[in-house]
Amino acid sequence: MLNFISLIFLLVGFSGMVVIIFRKMPALAELSVQKRRGVLRGAKGKIKENGLLEIVKGEKLLQSVLSKIRILTLKTENKTGDWLGKLHQRSLKRKNTDKFSDDYWKKLRGRK
């Protein structure tokens, strides 16, 4: 039932997008190639004026990438540290349980 409802929403949304595109096609066809290029140049100019390209460029991009890599390595180091601690505790536990108690042989002789 849930799949059917989501399929209906998907189809309605897709058909709405198709209707909007077909309604705007005549307006887009009327635009000449020069006007389209002018619109793109205007958009580039606005982006440069707002300084949005500087966020993507250079040191800020490098800084964000390096900080994400650092976070990833710290998480990895923390997880491996936890795993090593658990392995160490397991090995100590096994080591302690594998030892014979002092009265082990006495118990065995008493059973005979």
Protein backbone atom coordinates (compact mmCIF):
# COMPACT_ATOMS: atom_id res chain seq x y z
CA MET A 1 0.00 0.00 0.00
CA LEU A 2 2.82 2.38 0.93
CA ASN A 3 4.65 1.54 -2.28
CA PHE A 4 1.52 2.27 -4.29
CA ILE A 5 1.06 5.68 -2.63
CA SER A 6 4.70 6.61 -3.18
CA LEU A 7 4.42 5.50 -6.83
CA ILE A 8 1.41 7.79 -7.25
CA PHE A 9 3.34 10.72 -5.77
CA LEU A 10 6.28 9.98 -8.04
CA LEU A 11 4.10 9.88 -11.15
CA VAL A 12 2.22 13.06 -10.21
CA GLY A 13 5.48 14.90 -9.56
CA PHE A 14 7.04 13.69 -12.79
CA SER A 15 3.96 14.61 -14.82
CA GLY A 16 3.96 18.07 -13.21
CA MET A 17 7.58 18.58 -14.25
CA VAL A 18 6.76 17.50 -17.81
CA VAL A 19 3.82 19.94 -17.98
CA ILE A 20 5.96 22.84 -16.76
CA ILE A 21 8.72 22.03 -19.27
CA PHE A 22 6.27 21.83 -22.18
CA ARG A 23 4.65 25.14 -21.17
CA LYS A 24 8.02 26.91 -21.07
CA MET A 25 9.38 25.45 -24.32
CA PRO A 26 7.92 28.20 -26.57
CA ALA A 27 9.38 30.92 -24.37
CA LEU A 28 12.79 29.24 -24.42
CA ALA A 29 12.63 28.80 -28.18
CA GLU A 30 12.02 32.53 -28.64
CA LEU A 31 15.21 33.42 -26.85
CA SER A 32 18.02 33.90 -29.28
CA VAL A 33 21.42 32.36 -28.76
CA GLN A 34 22.91 35.76 -27.94
CA LYS A 35 20.35 36.41 -25.23
CA ARG A 36 21.09 33.03 -23.67
CA ARG A 37 24.79 33.81 -23.66
CA GLY A 38 24.07 37.20 -22.13
CA VAL A 39 22.01 35.58 -19.39
CA LEU A 40 24.86 33.21 -18.61
CA ARG A 41 27.41 36.03 -18.54
CA GLY A 42 25.13 38.02 -16.24
CA ALA A 43 24.82 35.07 -13.90
CA LYS A 44 28.60 34.64 -13.84
CA GLY A 45 29.03 38.31 -13.05
CA LYS A 46 26.57 38.14 -10.16
CA ILE A 47 28.32 35.11 -8.75
CA LYS A 48 31.68 36.89 -8.92
CA GLU A 49 30.24 40.00 -7.27
CA ASN A 50 28.82 38.00 -4.41
CA GLY A 51 32.12 36.21 -3.85
CA LEU A 52 30.60 32.76 -4.15
CA LEU A 53 33.46 31.53 -6.35
CA GLU A 54 36.04 32.38 -3.71
CA ILE A 55 34.42 29.91 -1.32
CA VAL A 56 34.97 27.13 -3.79
CA LYS A 57 38.48 28.17 -4.76
CA GLY A 58 41.86 27.79 -3.19
CA GLU A 59 42.65 27.63 0.44
CA LYS A 60 39.12 27.36 1.76
CA LEU A 61 38.46 24.27 -0.30
CA LEU A 62 41.78 22.77 0.77
CA GLN A 63 41.06 23.62 4.39
CA SER A 64 37.65 21.97 4.33
CA VAL A 65 38.97 18.84 2.60
CA LEU A 66 41.87 18.52 5.03
CA SER A 67 39.62 19.01 8.04
CA LYS A 68 37.30 16.27 6.81
CA ILE A 69 40.25 13.95 6.23
CA ARG A 70 41.52 14.74 9.73
CA ILE A 71 38.15 13.94 11.27
CA LEU A 72 38.03 10.67 9.36
CA THR A 73 41.50 9.66 10.52
CA LEU A 74 40.68 10.54 14.13
CA LYS A 75 37.53 8.43 14.00
CA THR A 76 39.50 5.56 12.48
CA GLU A 77 42.22 5.84 15.12
CA ASN A 78 39.66 5.90 17.91
CA LYS A 79 37.88 2.83 16.54
CA THR A 80 41.12 0.84 16.15
CA GLY A 81 42.11 1.84 19.69
CA ASP A 82 38.81 0.45 20.98
CA TRP A 83 39.32 -2.78 19.03
CA LEU A 84 42.87 -3.18 20.38
CA GLY A 85 41.65 -2.62 23.93
CA LYS A 86 38.94 -5.26 23.54
CA LEU A 87 41.42 -7.73 22.04
CA HIS A 88 43.83 -7.11 24.92
CA GLN A 89 41.07 -7.71 27.48
CA ARG A 90 40.03 -10.92 25.72
CA SER A 91 43.59 -12.21 25.64
CA LEU A 92 44.06 -11.46 29.36
CA LYS A 93 40.77 -13.17 30.15
CA ARG A 94 41.76 -16.27 28.19
CA LYS A 95 45.19 -16.27 29.73
CA ASN A 96 43.72 -16.20 33.23
CA THR A 97 41.15 -18.91 32.55
CA ASP A 98 43.65 -21.26 30.88
CA LYS A 99 45.80 -21.56 34.02
CA PHE A 100 45.39 -24.56 36.25
CA SER A 101 44.38 -23.89 39.78
CA ASP A 102 46.71 -25.04 42.59
CA ASP A 103 44.39 -27.75 43.76
CA TYR A 104 43.71 -29.14 40.26
CA TRP A 105 45.82 -32.26 40.74
CA LYS A 106 44.37 -32.84 44.20
CA LYS A 107 40.87 -32.73 42.74
CA LEU A 108 41.85 -35.23 40.05
CA ARG A 109 43.48 -37.61 42.57
CA GLY A 110 40.46 -37.34 44.84
CA ARG A 111 38.16 -38.52 42.08
CA LYS A 112 40.10 -41.70 41.44
